Amino acid sequence: MADLDWNLIRSFIAVAETGSLSAAARRLTASQPTLGRHVAELEQALGVVLFRRGRRGYELTEQGIALFERARAVGHAANAFARLAAGATEQVAGSVRIAASEVVSAYVLPPIMARLGLEEPAIEVEIVASNQVENLLRRDADIAVRMVAPAQQDLVARKIADLPLVACAARSYLDRRGRPEKPEDMFAHDVIGYDRAGEIIQVSAALGFNVDRHAFRFRTDNQIVYWEAIRAGNGIGFSQRALAGRDPLVETILPELALPTLPMWLAMHRDVRTSARVRRVADFLFAELKRYAAV
């Protein structure tokens, strides 16, 4: 009893949690016969029947239920031991891949990564600039900065903040065309909008302005082009308050507009939490984005 093989206990936990040899085999990347043999060996060593075998798969007996909770506690302790060992032995060095929206990738992350480089020169950073929700389950990235709450159960997510949105325009445009004093003055100006995306039209409707895409003299669905169009003086647009507030070419207007907020989340797969370098970058990124959002 004192010399029980950990593999037997691990197989028992997997079969108990999944309810079948086939599902447990997929989880552990093992064969069904191996798991069946492990369960039988454990039952023989303990002198108890752990499962009822039937059409519905493997169901825990009363004795199995009692032992399962203890076995799971042993499993948690073993995993914690492995994580501790990995964190203690892995150097904070190597590549970390970060997925983020085009705007965050182009205008927010570069100065943050420059500061990270001063503190962790051995970490290499790869940025995936995409408005698509990168699939962390397929390991398209180690860390993702998302503007929606991650839904996958295998992800660990931390909400950074709700980013306020503001109306803004280039100072050069406002000096030339004047500054709108109230919301209803806005569509007497040139407004920058999206081409096929309908978010600005929907927000405008919620504010009481029923417009279509032809209300926008300048239209684009590319976030970088949209922001640069604002900075170049093409008209009034909408942006993250933190981004507009730190650009000397841009001025925020109409603070009374009730615009929605943009949620920002930091997500990574549960498995990469044991990586010292990924964890270091994730913690650094979370703190820096918190500061960015507070502007």
Protein backbone atom coordinates (compact mmCIF):
# COMPACT_ATOMS: atom_id res chain seq x y z
CA MET A 1 0.00 0.00 0.00
CA ALA A 2 2.81 2.41 0.84
CA ASP A 3 4.43 1.79 -2.54
CA LEU A 4 1.40 2.50 -4.77
CA ASP A 5 2.42 3.60 -8.25
CA TRP A 6 1.36 7.21 -8.90
CA ASN A 7 0.37 6.21 -12.43
CA LEU A 8 -2.35 3.95 -11.01
CA ILE A 9 -3.81 6.83 -9.03
CA ARG A 10 -3.59 9.18 -11.98
CA SER A 11 -5.43 6.70 -14.18
CA PHE A 12 -8.08 6.21 -11.49
CA ILE A 13 -8.67 9.99 -11.32
CA ALA A 14 -8.95 10.31 -15.10
CA VAL A 15 -11.45 7.44 -15.42
CA ALA A 16 -13.49 8.74 -12.48
CA GLU A 17 -13.67 12.26 -13.94
CA THR A 18 -14.43 11.25 -17.53
CA GLY A 19 -16.57 8.16 -16.87
CA SER A 20 -14.94 5.95 -19.52
CA LEU A 21 -11.66 4.36 -20.47
CA SER A 22 -11.72 5.92 -23.93
CA ALA A 23 -12.16 9.50 -22.67
CA ALA A 24 -9.55 8.98 -19.97
CA ALA A 25 -7.15 7.56 -22.56
CA ARG A 26 -7.55 10.67 -24.72
CA ARG A 27 -6.90 12.90 -21.76
CA LEU A 28 -3.74 11.09 -20.66
CA THR A 29 -2.56 10.16 -24.17
CA ALA A 30 -2.54 6.51 -23.17
CA SER A 31 -4.19 3.32 -24.42
CA GLN A 32 -7.48 1.98 -23.10
CA PRO A 33 -5.97 -1.41 -22.18
CA THR A 34 -3.30 0.36 -20.13
CA LEU A 35 -5.89 2.34 -18.18
CA GLY A 36 -8.04 -0.73 -17.67
CA ARG A 37 -5.02 -2.58 -16.32
CA HIS A 38 -4.16 0.33 -14.01
CA VAL A 39 -7.66 0.39 -12.54
CA ALA A 40 -7.63 -3.36 -12.00
CA GLU A 41 -4.19 -3.23 -10.34
CA LEU A 42 -5.31 -0.42 -8.03
CA GLU A 43 -8.45 -2.32 -7.04
CA GLN A 44 -6.38 -5.40 -6.30
CA ALA A 45 -3.85 -3.43 -4.25
CA LEU A 46 -6.57 -1.70 -2.23
CA GLY A 47 -8.82 -4.73 -1.95
CA VAL A 48 -11.92 -2.79 -3.04
CA VAL A 49 -14.07 -2.39 -6.15
CA LEU A 50 -13.74 1.19 -7.36
CA PHE A 51 -16.08 1.14 -10.38
CA ARG A 52 -19.27 -0.45 -11.61
CA ARG A 53 -18.73 -1.36 -15.25
CA GLY A 54 -21.71 -1.16 -17.56
CA ARG A 55 -23.24 0.33 -20.70
CA ARG A 56 -23.02 3.78 -19.19
CA GLY A 57 -19.29 3.40 -18.73
CA TYR A 58 -17.43 3.41 -15.44
CA GLU A 59 -19.43 4.61 -12.42
CA LEU A 60 -17.81 5.01 -9.02
CA THR A 61 -18.93 2.69 -6.24
CA GLU A 62 -19.47 4.10 -2.74
CA GLN A 63 -15.93 3.04 -1.84
CA GLY A 64 -14.70 4.58 -5.09
CA ILE A 65 -16.40 7.88 -4.29
CA ALA A 66 -14.78 8.00 -0.86
CA LEU A 67 -11.32 7.30 -2.28
CA PHE A 68 -11.76 9.61 -5.28
CA GLU A 69 -11.72 12.78 -3.16
CA ARG A 70 -8.48 11.69 -1.50
CA ALA A 71 -7.00 10.71 -4.85
CA ARG A 72 -7.89 14.06 -6.36
CA ALA A 73 -6.21 15.85 -3.45
CA VAL A 74 -3.08 13.78 -4.14
CA GLY A 75 -3.35 14.77 -7.81
CA HIS A 76 -3.56 18.47 -6.98
CA ALA A 77 -0.51 18.15 -4.73
CA ALA A 78 1.46 16.35 -7.46
CA ASN A 79 0.56 19.01 -10.03
CA ALA A 80 1.50 21.79 -7.61
CA PHE A 81 4.85 20.06 -7.04
CA ALA A 82 5.46 19.88 -10.80
CA ARG A 83 4.54 23.55 -11.30
CA LEU A 84 6.82 24.60 -8.47
CA ALA A 85 9.67 22.57 -9.92
CA ALA A 86 9.12 24.06 -13.39
CA GLY A 87 9.02 27.60 -12.04
CA ALA A 88 12.14 27.06 -9.99
CA THR A 89 14.21 25.55 -12.77
CA GLU A 90 13.11 27.48 -15.88
CA GLN A 91 15.06 30.59 -16.75
CA VAL A 92 13.13 33.75 -17.56
CA ALA A 93 14.27 33.61 -21.17
CA GLY A 94 12.97 32.63 -24.58
CA SER A 95 10.07 33.61 -26.85
CA VAL A 96 6.60 34.75 -25.79
CA ARG A 97 3.90 35.25 -28.43
CA ILE A 98 1.25 37.90 -27.76
CA ALA A 99 -1.94 38.34 -29.79
CA ALA A 100 -3.75 41.67 -29.69
CA SER A 101 -5.92 43.92 -31.83
CA GLU A 102 -4.30 46.02 -34.52
CA VAL A 103 -4.59 49.25 -32.54
CA VAL A 104 -3.25 47.75 -29.32
CA SER A 105 -0.45 46.01 -31.22
CA ALA A 106 0.59 49.14 -33.09
CA TYR A 107 0.09 51.93 -30.55
CA VAL A 108 -0.05 50.40 -27.05
CA LEU A 109 2.24 47.38 -26.90
CA PRO A 110 5.49 48.73 -28.45
CA PRO A 111 6.37 51.14 -25.61
CA ILE A 112 5.31 48.54 -23.04
CA MET A 113 7.52 45.92 -24.67
CA ALA A 114 10.41 48.39 -24.71
CA ARG A 115 10.11 48.71 -20.92
CA LEU A 116 9.90 44.93 -20.60
CA GLY A 117 13.11 44.63 -22.62
CA LEU A 118 14.95 46.79 -20.10
CA GLU A 119 13.88 44.51 -17.25
CA GLU A 120 14.00 41.15 -19.04
CA PRO A 121 16.49 41.37 -21.93
CA ALA A 122 16.51 37.57 -22.40
CA ILE A 123 12.82 37.45 -23.30
CA GLU A 124 11.96 37.62 -27.02
CA VAL A 125 8.51 38.99 -27.90
CA GLU A 126 6.41 38.10 -30.94
CA ILE A 127 3.31 40.24 -31.62
CA VAL A 128 0.36 38.89 -33.61
CA ALA A 129 -1.59 41.96 -34.74
CA SER A 130 -5.07 40.74 -35.54
CA ASN A 131 -8.65 41.68 -34.77
CA GLN A 132 -9.57 37.99 -34.94
CA VAL A 133 -9.87 36.24 -31.58
CA GLU A 134 -6.69 34.17 -31.58
CA ASN A 135 -7.30 30.57 -30.53
CA LEU A 136 -5.15 30.02 -27.46
CA LEU A 137 -6.28 26.40 -27.36
CA ARG A 138 -4.36 25.79 -30.61
CA ARG A 139 -1.41 27.74 -29.18
CA ASP A 140 -1.61 30.45 -31.84
CA ALA A 141 -0.32 32.65 -29.04
CA ASP A 142 0.88 32.31 -25.45
CA ILE A 143 -0.99 35.41 -24.25
CA ALA A 144 -3.92 37.27 -25.80
CA VAL A 145 -5.17 40.79 -25.13
CA ARG A 146 -8.84 40.60 -26.02
CA MET A 147 -11.70 43.05 -26.21
CA VAL A 148 -14.24 40.34 -25.37
CA ALA A 149 -14.44 38.01 -22.38
CA PRO A 150 -12.78 34.66 -23.25
CA ALA A 151 -15.31 31.84 -23.26
CA GLN A 152 -13.12 28.72 -23.43
CA GLN A 153 -12.97 26.82 -20.15
CA ASP A 154 -9.27 25.93 -20.50
CA LEU A 155 -8.26 29.60 -20.48
CA VAL A 156 -7.24 31.70 -17.52
CA ALA A 157 -8.49 35.25 -17.97
CA ARG A 158 -8.04 38.44 -16.00
CA LYS A 159 -10.08 41.53 -16.75
CA ILE A 160 -7.82 44.53 -17.11
CA ALA A 161 -10.41 47.31 -17.32
CA ASP A 162 -13.38 48.73 -19.16
CA LEU A 163 -11.79 51.25 -21.53
CA PRO A 164 -13.83 54.44 -21.95
CA LEU A 165 -14.45 55.54 -25.53
CA VAL A 166 -14.50 59.20 -26.54
CA ALA A 167 -15.28 61.38 -29.53
CA CYS A 168 -12.18 63.12 -30.78
CA ALA A 169 -10.63 64.91 -33.74
CA ALA A 170 -7.32 66.38 -34.82
CA ARG A 171 -6.67 69.84 -33.41
CA SER A 172 -5.95 70.97 -36.96
CA TYR A 173 -9.45 69.88 -38.05
CA LEU A 174 -11.14 71.56 -35.07
CA ASP A 175 -9.19 74.77 -35.61
CA ARG A 176 -10.38 74.77 -39.22
CA ARG A 177 -14.01 73.70 -38.74
CA GLY A 178 -14.74 74.75 -35.18
CA ARG A 179 -15.50 72.70 -32.08
CA PRO A 180 -18.98 71.16 -31.72
CA GLU A 181 -20.62 72.43 -28.54
CA LYS A 182 -23.34 69.79 -28.18
CA PRO A 183 -23.93 66.24 -29.50
CA GLU A 184 -26.42 67.32 -32.14
CA ASP A 185 -23.71 69.47 -33.73
CA MET A 186 -21.60 66.41 -34.51
CA PHE A 187 -23.18 65.38 -37.80
CA ALA A 188 -22.85 68.92 -39.13
CA HIS A 189 -19.17 67.99 -39.20
CA ASP A 190 -17.25 65.40 -41.18
CA VAL A 191 -17.50 62.12 -39.28
CA ILE A 192 -15.17 59.17 -39.81
CA GLY A 193 -16.98 55.85 -39.84
CA TYR A 194 -16.64 52.17 -40.62
CA ASP A 195 -17.20 50.77 -44.08
CA ARG A 196 -18.97 47.42 -43.56
CA ALA A 197 -18.92 47.17 -39.76
CA GLY A 198 -22.04 48.62 -38.16
CA GLU A 199 -20.94 49.49 -34.61
CA ILE A 200 -20.77 53.27 -35.09
CA ILE A 201 -24.18 53.33 -36.79
CA GLN A 202 -25.61 51.34 -33.87
CA VAL A 203 -24.05 53.64 -31.27
CA SER A 204 -25.28 56.68 -33.20
CA ALA A 205 -28.81 55.25 -33.21
CA ALA A 206 -28.61 54.71 -29.43
CA LEU A 207 -27.65 58.38 -29.08
CA GLY A 208 -30.65 59.42 -31.19
CA PHE A 209 -28.91 59.89 -34.55
CA ASN A 210 -30.35 57.71 -37.28
CA VAL A 211 -27.67 57.64 -39.97
CA ASP A 212 -26.36 55.22 -42.58
CA ARG A 213 -22.84 54.67 -43.87
CA HIS A 214 -23.16 57.61 -46.28
CA ALA A 215 -23.10 59.95 -43.28
CA PHE A 216 -19.39 59.19 -43.05
CA ARG A 217 -17.23 61.04 -45.53
CA PHE A 218 -14.27 58.82 -44.71
CA ARG A 219 -14.92 55.10 -44.15
CA THR A 220 -12.63 52.19 -43.27
CA ASP A 221 -12.84 48.95 -41.30
CA ASN A 222 -9.11 48.92 -40.60
CA GLN A 223 -8.44 50.19 -37.08
CA ILE A 224 -5.00 51.60 -37.85
CA VAL A 225 -6.25 53.45 -40.92
CA TYR A 226 -9.20 54.74 -38.85
CA TRP A 227 -6.95 56.17 -36.13
CA GLU A 228 -4.55 57.71 -38.62
CA ALA A 229 -7.51 59.30 -40.43
CA ILE A 230 -8.47 61.01 -37.18
CA ARG A 231 -4.91 62.21 -36.58
CA ALA A 232 -4.63 63.53 -40.16
CA GLY A 233 -7.69 65.77 -39.78
CA ASN A 234 -10.33 63.90 -41.79
CA GLY A 235 -13.02 64.62 -39.23
CA ILE A 236 -14.51 63.50 -35.93
CA GLY A 237 -14.03 59.88 -34.90
CA PHE A 238 -14.15 57.63 -31.87
CA SER A 239 -11.25 56.17 -29.94
CA GLN A 240 -10.08 54.75 -26.65
CA ARG A 241 -9.78 57.64 -24.21
CA ALA A 242 -6.28 56.53 -23.19
CA LEU A 243 -5.09 56.54 -26.79
CA ALA A 244 -6.62 59.94 -27.65
CA GLY A 245 -5.48 61.49 -24.40
CA ARG A 246 -1.79 60.89 -24.98
CA ASP A 247 -1.62 62.08 -28.60
CA PRO A 248 -0.73 65.78 -28.87
CA LEU A 249 -2.32 66.01 -32.32
CA VAL A 250 -5.74 64.91 -31.07
CA GLU A 251 -8.33 66.62 -28.88
CA THR A 252 -11.21 64.97 -27.05
CA ILE A 253 -14.60 66.62 -27.61
CA LEU A 254 -18.20 66.30 -26.44
CA PRO A 255 -17.49 64.69 -23.04
CA GLU A 256 -21.23 64.41 -22.38
CA LEU A 257 -21.66 61.76 -25.08
CA ALA A 258 -22.78 58.51 -23.44
CA LEU A 259 -20.49 56.14 -25.30
CA PRO A 260 -20.09 52.45 -24.44
CA THR A 261 -16.93 51.11 -22.84
CA LEU A 262 -14.58 48.57 -24.39
CA PRO A 263 -13.67 45.65 -22.11
CA MET A 264 -10.04 44.58 -22.12
CA TRP A 265 -9.02 41.09 -20.98
CA LEU A 266 -5.72 39.28 -20.61
CA ALA A 267 -5.96 35.55 -21.34
CA MET A 268 -3.68 32.55 -21.57
CA HIS A 269 -4.05 28.79 -21.59
CA ARG A 270 -3.97 27.11 -18.18
CA ASP A 271 -1.01 24.98 -19.22
CA VAL A 272 1.35 27.91 -19.86
CA ARG A 273 0.91 29.32 -16.35
CA THR A 274 3.75 27.01 -15.34
CA SER A 275 6.12 28.78 -17.72
CA ALA A 276 8.19 31.33 -15.83
CA ARG A 277 8.74 33.53 -18.88
CA VAL A 278 5.06 33.53 -19.94
CA ARG A 279 3.94 34.24 -16.41
CA ARG A 280 6.47 37.06 -16.11
CA VAL A 281 5.30 38.68 -19.36
CA ALA A 282 1.63 38.22 -18.45
CA ASP A 283 2.07 39.87 -15.05
CA PHE A 284 4.10 42.73 -16.52
CA LEU A 285 1.60 43.24 -19.33
CA PHE A 286 -1.37 43.21 -16.97
CA ALA A 287 0.17 45.91 -14.74
CA GLU A 288 1.20 48.09 -17.69
CA LEU A 289 -2.21 47.85 -19.39
CA LYS A 290 -3.88 48.72 -16.10
CA ARG A 291 -1.84 51.91 -16.06
CA TYR A 292 -2.66 52.58 -19.70
CA ALA A 293 -6.39 52.18 -19.04
CA ALA A 294 -6.29 54.54 -16.07
CA VAL A 295 -5.20 57.54 -18.18
